[in-house]
Amino acid sequence: MKRGLTPFLLLLLVAPLLSQPQQPYRILITNDDGVRAPGLVALVKALGPLGEITVVAPAENQNVKSHSLTMADPIYADDVTIPGAVLAVAVVATPATCVKLALQSLMPRRPDLVVSGINPGYNTGMVTYISGTVGAAREAALQGVPAISVSLNRTGADDFTGAAQITLEIASMVKTHGLPKGAFLNVAVPAGARQSFKGVRLTRQSALSGVERFDERKTPYGRRYFWDVYTDADPANAEAGTDVSAVSQGYVAVTPMRVGEFSDEELERLKSLKIER
């Protein structure tokens, strides 16, 4: 008659597995406002209890860089200390390049999550296409790493505590449940303390893009130049269920995004036009 493994033999087999230390949850934090920006510092403080933090961010402000990459210039990377005595790497490059460099060259092991922000000013609607904050999260998703981009109402840009706390809650959810490959979350947070938010809403991306104009001026020597003046989209024009609508009503907007812009519907429409020969 066959006999099963004795408790002693089972212990010999299982003990090596039990003795292996559990790998920490690794979080890469970046932004587009610069490595010392208060929004990034607030994220480092809030997300610390969730896992092992690595900071790799632009050395200087890289707003509205979208998904641009630094390729024609040397990419300088310097170790710096940011508020809170946290070590970080300041990179002379765009936000998306910071993520690529961190994943490929600076981190010994790939992160489990990338969090980009907190940006002062909403990244909602079509603004996500020009945002460096969102571009960094999108690059992480392209590399197969779950990511979150976070922005805060401009009027609350001097206090990032509430936005950092809600980011911790959302990041904890991602840690527990994960995200599909190629997906990331774009989070927009109203100004105020955590308890002041009406709640969290899953939203669609609004089609609004804000209002942009170019103010024409002249130098003292008469040379003409223009200054880009941007105003956020009017929430009164936002459709219900969108990110712009949700934040205007005091809710945190969580918009699931994905990499790639392929359109199944347009492919089928074009097929009906007999374009293929």
Protein backbone atom coordinates (compact mmCIF):
# COMPACT_ATOMS: atom_id res chain seq x y z
CA MET A 1 0.00 0.00 0.00
CA LYS A 2 1.34 3.44 -0.92
CA ARG A 3 1.87 5.80 1.93
CA GLY A 4 1.75 9.58 1.77
CA LEU A 5 4.57 11.89 2.75
CA THR A 6 5.25 12.07 6.45
CA PRO A 7 4.85 15.43 8.20
CA PHE A 8 8.65 15.58 8.53
CA LEU A 9 9.19 15.16 4.78
CA LEU A 10 6.47 17.71 4.04
CA LEU A 11 8.23 20.19 6.30
CA LEU A 12 11.51 19.62 4.47
CA LEU A 13 9.84 20.38 1.16
CA VAL A 14 7.82 23.39 2.28
CA ALA A 15 10.33 25.04 4.64
CA PRO A 16 12.52 26.54 1.87
CA LEU A 17 9.44 28.18 0.37
CA LEU A 18 8.32 29.54 3.72
CA SER A 19 11.76 30.95 4.45
CA GLN A 20 11.94 32.96 1.23
CA PRO A 21 11.38 36.64 2.00
CA GLN A 22 8.35 38.18 0.33
CA GLN A 23 9.29 40.75 -2.27
CA PRO A 24 8.11 44.27 -1.44
CA TYR A 25 5.52 45.99 -3.60
CA ARG A 26 7.60 48.37 -5.73
CA ILE A 27 6.19 51.79 -6.66
CA LEU A 28 7.83 54.20 -9.09
CA ILE A 29 6.76 57.82 -8.59
CA THR A 30 7.28 60.44 -11.26
CA ASN A 31 5.67 63.63 -12.56
CA ASP A 32 6.02 66.45 -15.08
CA ASP A 33 6.48 69.34 -12.65
CA GLY A 34 9.99 68.51 -11.48
CA VAL A 35 11.46 66.20 -8.90
CA ARG A 36 11.01 68.67 -6.01
CA ALA A 37 7.39 69.58 -6.81
CA PRO A 38 5.08 69.50 -3.75
CA GLY A 39 2.62 67.17 -5.48
CA LEU A 40 5.30 64.51 -5.90
CA VAL A 41 6.50 64.95 -2.31
CA ALA A 42 2.92 64.46 -1.08
CA LEU A 43 2.66 61.20 -3.06
CA VAL A 44 5.92 59.89 -1.61
CA LYS A 45 4.66 60.53 1.90
CA ALA A 46 1.21 59.02 1.29
CA LEU A 47 2.29 55.91 -0.63
CA GLY A 48 5.20 55.01 1.65
CA PRO A 49 3.17 52.55 3.76
CA LEU A 50 2.01 50.72 0.62
CA GLY A 51 5.40 49.61 -0.64
CA GLU A 52 8.98 50.38 -1.59
CA ILE A 53 9.21 53.82 -3.19
CA THR A 54 11.54 54.84 -6.02
CA VAL A 55 11.47 58.41 -7.33
CA VAL A 56 12.65 59.16 -10.86
CA ALA A 57 11.37 62.48 -12.20
CA PRO A 58 12.37 65.38 -14.42
CA ALA A 59 15.01 67.69 -12.98
CA GLU A 60 12.92 70.70 -14.04
CA ASN A 61 9.37 71.48 -15.09
CA GLN A 62 8.24 69.47 -18.14
CA ASN A 63 4.60 70.54 -18.41
CA VAL A 64 2.64 69.80 -21.59
CA LYS A 65 5.32 67.49 -22.93
CA SER A 66 2.69 64.85 -23.66
CA HIS A 67 4.40 61.55 -24.60
CA SER A 68 7.50 63.15 -26.10
CA LEU A 69 10.86 61.45 -25.60
CA THR A 70 14.36 62.81 -25.08
CA MET A 71 16.56 61.31 -27.79
CA ALA A 72 18.81 63.94 -29.40
CA ASP A 73 20.46 65.13 -26.17
CA PRO A 74 22.36 63.39 -23.36
CA ILE A 75 20.09 62.27 -20.54
CA TYR A 76 21.73 63.44 -17.33
CA ALA A 77 20.65 61.67 -14.14
CA ASP A 78 21.65 62.98 -10.70
CA ASP A 79 20.92 61.64 -7.24
CA VAL A 80 19.18 64.31 -5.17
CA THR A 81 17.44 64.60 -1.82
CA ILE A 82 13.89 65.94 -1.88
CA PRO A 83 11.85 67.24 1.10
CA GLY A 84 11.43 64.57 3.73
CA ALA A 85 15.01 63.38 3.23
CA VAL A 86 13.90 61.09 0.42
CA LEU A 87 16.49 60.03 -2.15
CA ALA A 88 15.45 60.53 -5.77
CA VAL A 89 16.89 60.65 -9.26
CA ALA A 90 16.55 63.93 -11.13
CA VAL A 91 16.63 63.32 -14.88
CA VAL A 92 17.15 65.95 -17.56
CA ALA A 93 14.45 64.49 -19.79
CA THR A 94 10.73 64.33 -20.45
CA PRO A 95 8.34 62.45 -18.11
CA ALA A 96 7.91 59.51 -20.51
CA THR A 97 11.69 59.20 -20.87
CA CYS A 98 12.03 59.21 -17.07
CA VAL A 99 9.76 56.16 -16.93
CA LYS A 100 11.62 54.36 -19.73
CA LEU A 101 14.99 55.09 -18.11
CA ALA A 102 13.79 53.95 -14.69
CA LEU A 103 12.40 50.68 -16.01
CA GLN A 104 15.34 49.84 -18.25
CA SER A 105 18.38 51.22 -16.44
CA LEU A 106 17.81 52.66 -12.97
CA MET A 107 15.67 50.12 -11.13
CA PRO A 108 17.14 46.68 -10.40
CA ARG A 109 13.64 45.20 -10.61
CA ARG A 110 10.64 46.43 -12.55
CA PRO A 111 8.08 48.29 -10.45
CA ASP A 112 4.67 46.82 -9.72
CA LEU A 113 3.03 50.22 -10.11
CA VAL A 114 3.87 53.64 -11.56
CA VAL A 115 2.18 56.73 -10.12
CA SER A 116 2.57 60.07 -11.92
CA GLY A 117 1.64 63.39 -10.30
CA ILE A 118 0.16 65.12 -8.49
CA ASN A 119 -0.32 67.72 -11.22
CA PRO A 120 -1.60 71.18 -10.17
CA GLY A 121 -4.47 71.62 -12.61
CA TYR A 122 -6.92 69.06 -13.98
CA ASN A 123 -5.82 66.61 -16.66
CA THR A 124 -9.31 65.80 -17.89
CA GLY A 125 -11.00 65.49 -21.26
CA MET A 126 -8.77 65.94 -24.28
CA VAL A 127 -6.09 67.60 -22.15
CA THR A 128 -4.82 64.10 -21.42
CA TYR A 129 -3.22 64.08 -24.87
CA ILE A 130 -0.88 66.96 -24.07
CA SER A 131 -0.26 66.23 -20.40
CA GLY A 132 3.22 65.08 -19.43
CA THR A 133 1.75 63.62 -16.24
CA VAL A 134 -0.55 61.37 -18.25
CA GLY A 135 2.22 60.70 -20.79
CA ALA A 136 4.37 59.16 -18.06
CA ALA A 137 1.54 56.86 -16.97
CA ARG A 138 0.80 55.92 -20.57
CA GLU A 139 4.46 55.01 -21.12
CA ALA A 140 4.34 52.73 -18.08
CA ALA A 141 1.23 51.03 -19.48
CA LEU A 142 2.99 50.61 -22.82
CA GLN A 143 5.76 48.84 -20.93
CA GLY A 144 3.23 46.52 -19.29
CA VAL A 145 3.27 48.17 -15.85
CA PRO A 146 0.00 49.26 -14.17
CA ALA A 147 -0.08 53.03 -13.75
CA ILE A 148 -2.03 55.93 -12.27
CA SER A 149 -1.85 59.58 -13.27
CA VAL A 150 -3.19 62.11 -10.77
CA SER A 151 -4.20 65.75 -11.10
CA LEU A 152 -5.70 68.27 -8.69
CA ASN A 153 -7.98 71.25 -9.18
CA ARG A 154 -5.73 74.26 -9.71
CA THR A 155 -7.40 76.17 -6.86
CA GLY A 156 -6.20 73.51 -4.43
CA ALA A 157 -2.67 73.27 -5.73
CA ASP A 158 -1.17 74.52 -2.47
CA ASP A 159 -2.50 71.53 -0.51
CA PHE A 160 -1.99 68.08 -2.04
CA THR A 161 -2.83 66.08 1.10
CA GLY A 162 -6.39 65.11 0.16
CA ALA A 163 -5.39 64.15 -3.39
CA ALA A 164 -2.50 62.07 -2.05
CA GLN A 165 -4.77 60.24 0.37
CA ILE A 166 -7.31 59.29 -2.31
CA THR A 167 -4.42 58.19 -4.52
CA LEU A 168 -3.31 55.83 -1.75
CA GLU A 169 -6.80 54.30 -1.68
CA ILE A 170 -6.86 53.82 -5.45
CA ALA A 171 -3.30 52.48 -5.53
CA SER A 172 -4.22 49.98 -2.80
CA MET A 173 -7.08 48.77 -4.97
CA VAL A 174 -4.72 48.34 -7.92
CA LYS A 175 -2.28 46.46 -5.69
CA THR A 176 -5.03 44.04 -4.66
CA HIS A 177 -6.86 43.60 -7.96
CA GLY A 178 -4.37 44.70 -10.64
CA LEU A 179 -5.15 46.27 -14.02
CA PRO A 180 -5.41 44.67 -17.45
CA LYS A 181 -2.26 44.84 -19.53
CA GLY A 182 -2.04 48.16 -21.35
CA ALA A 183 -4.47 49.90 -18.99
CA PHE A 184 -3.95 52.82 -16.64
CA LEU A 185 -6.14 55.08 -14.51
CA ASN A 186 -6.42 58.83 -14.89
CA VAL A 187 -7.52 60.35 -11.59
CA ALA A 188 -8.76 63.94 -11.20
CA VAL A 189 -9.31 65.25 -7.68
CA PRO A 190 -11.27 68.32 -6.51
CA ALA A 191 -9.58 70.73 -4.13
CA GLY A 192 -10.00 70.13 -0.42
CA ALA A 193 -9.44 67.60 2.31
CA ARG A 194 -10.21 63.92 1.79
CA GLN A 195 -13.42 64.09 3.81
CA SER A 196 -14.73 66.95 1.66
CA PHE A 197 -15.01 64.82 -1.49
CA LYS A 198 -18.55 63.74 -2.29
CA GLY A 199 -17.27 60.35 -3.41
CA VAL A 200 -15.47 58.57 -6.23
CA ARG A 201 -16.98 58.19 -9.69
CA LEU A 202 -15.87 55.93 -12.53
CA THR A 203 -16.08 58.20 -15.56
CA ARG A 204 -15.69 58.44 -19.31
CA GLN A 205 -13.19 60.78 -20.90
CA SER A 206 -14.86 64.04 -21.86
CA ALA A 207 -14.56 65.35 -25.40
CA LEU A 208 -13.90 68.85 -24.08
CA SER A 209 -10.44 70.34 -24.46
CA GLY A 210 -10.59 73.77 -22.84
CA VAL A 211 -10.09 77.14 -24.48
CA GLU A 212 -6.74 78.22 -25.85
CA ARG A 213 -5.74 81.55 -27.33
CA PHE A 214 -2.47 83.21 -28.28
CA ASP A 215 -1.83 86.64 -26.83
CA GLU A 216 0.25 88.70 -29.28
CA ARG A 217 2.96 90.94 -27.84
CA LYS A 218 6.16 92.67 -28.84
CA THR A 219 9.62 92.80 -27.35
CA PRO A 220 11.16 96.19 -26.49
CA TYR A 221 12.89 95.94 -29.85
CA GLY A 222 9.68 95.45 -31.79
CA ARG A 223 9.91 91.73 -32.50
CA ARG A 224 6.52 90.00 -32.41
CA TYR A 225 5.90 87.02 -30.12
CA PHE A 226 2.92 85.10 -28.74
CA TRP A 227 2.02 83.85 -25.27
CA ASP A 228 -0.14 80.74 -24.98
CA VAL A 229 -3.11 81.42 -22.67
CA TYR A 230 -5.15 78.36 -21.65
CA THR A 231 -8.44 78.18 -19.76
CA ASP A 232 -9.99 74.96 -18.48
CA ALA A 233 -13.09 73.64 -20.19
CA ASP A 234 -16.41 74.97 -18.96
CA PRO A 235 -17.97 72.10 -16.96
CA ALA A 236 -21.42 73.38 -17.91
CA ASN A 237 -20.75 71.94 -21.37
CA ALA A 238 -19.68 68.53 -20.08
CA GLU A 239 -21.81 65.45 -20.62
CA ALA A 240 -23.01 63.57 -17.55
CA GLY A 241 -20.80 60.67 -16.61
CA THR A 242 -17.58 62.28 -17.85
CA ASP A 243 -14.50 63.26 -15.88
CA VAL A 244 -15.10 67.00 -16.35
CA SER A 245 -18.67 66.68 -15.11
CA ALA A 246 -17.75 64.58 -12.06
CA VAL A 247 -15.05 66.87 -10.68
CA SER A 248 -17.24 69.94 -11.20
CA GLN A 249 -19.76 68.32 -8.84
CA GLY A 250 -17.16 67.61 -6.17
CA TYR A 251 -16.44 63.95 -6.99
CA VAL A 252 -13.08 62.30 -7.62
CA ALA A 253 -13.06 61.15 -11.25
CA VAL A 254 -11.37 57.84 -12.06
CA THR A 255 -11.17 57.31 -15.81
CA PRO A 256 -9.86 53.97 -17.11
CA MET A 257 -7.55 54.57 -20.07
CA ARG A 258 -5.69 52.26 -22.41
CA VAL A 259 -2.78 52.51 -24.79
CA GLY A 260 -3.44 52.43 -28.51
CA GLU A 261 -5.99 54.35 -30.56
CA PHE A 262 -7.12 51.68 -32.99
CA SER A 263 -10.80 51.96 -33.91
CA ASP A 264 -12.72 48.74 -34.63
CA GLU A 265 -15.77 50.72 -35.72
CA GLU A 266 -13.85 52.81 -38.24
CA LEU A 267 -12.14 49.74 -39.64
CA GLU A 268 -15.50 48.17 -40.40
CA ARG A 269 -16.81 51.40 -41.93
CA LEU A 270 -13.77 51.72 -44.18
CA LYS A 271 -14.16 48.10 -45.27
CA SER A 272 -17.64 48.96 -46.51
CA LEU A 273 -16.12 51.68 -48.72
CA LYS A 274 -14.12 49.06 -50.62
CA ILE A 275 -10.80 50.82 -50.02
CA GLU A 276 -8.88 47.57 -50.20
CA ARG A 277 -7.89 46.46 -53.65
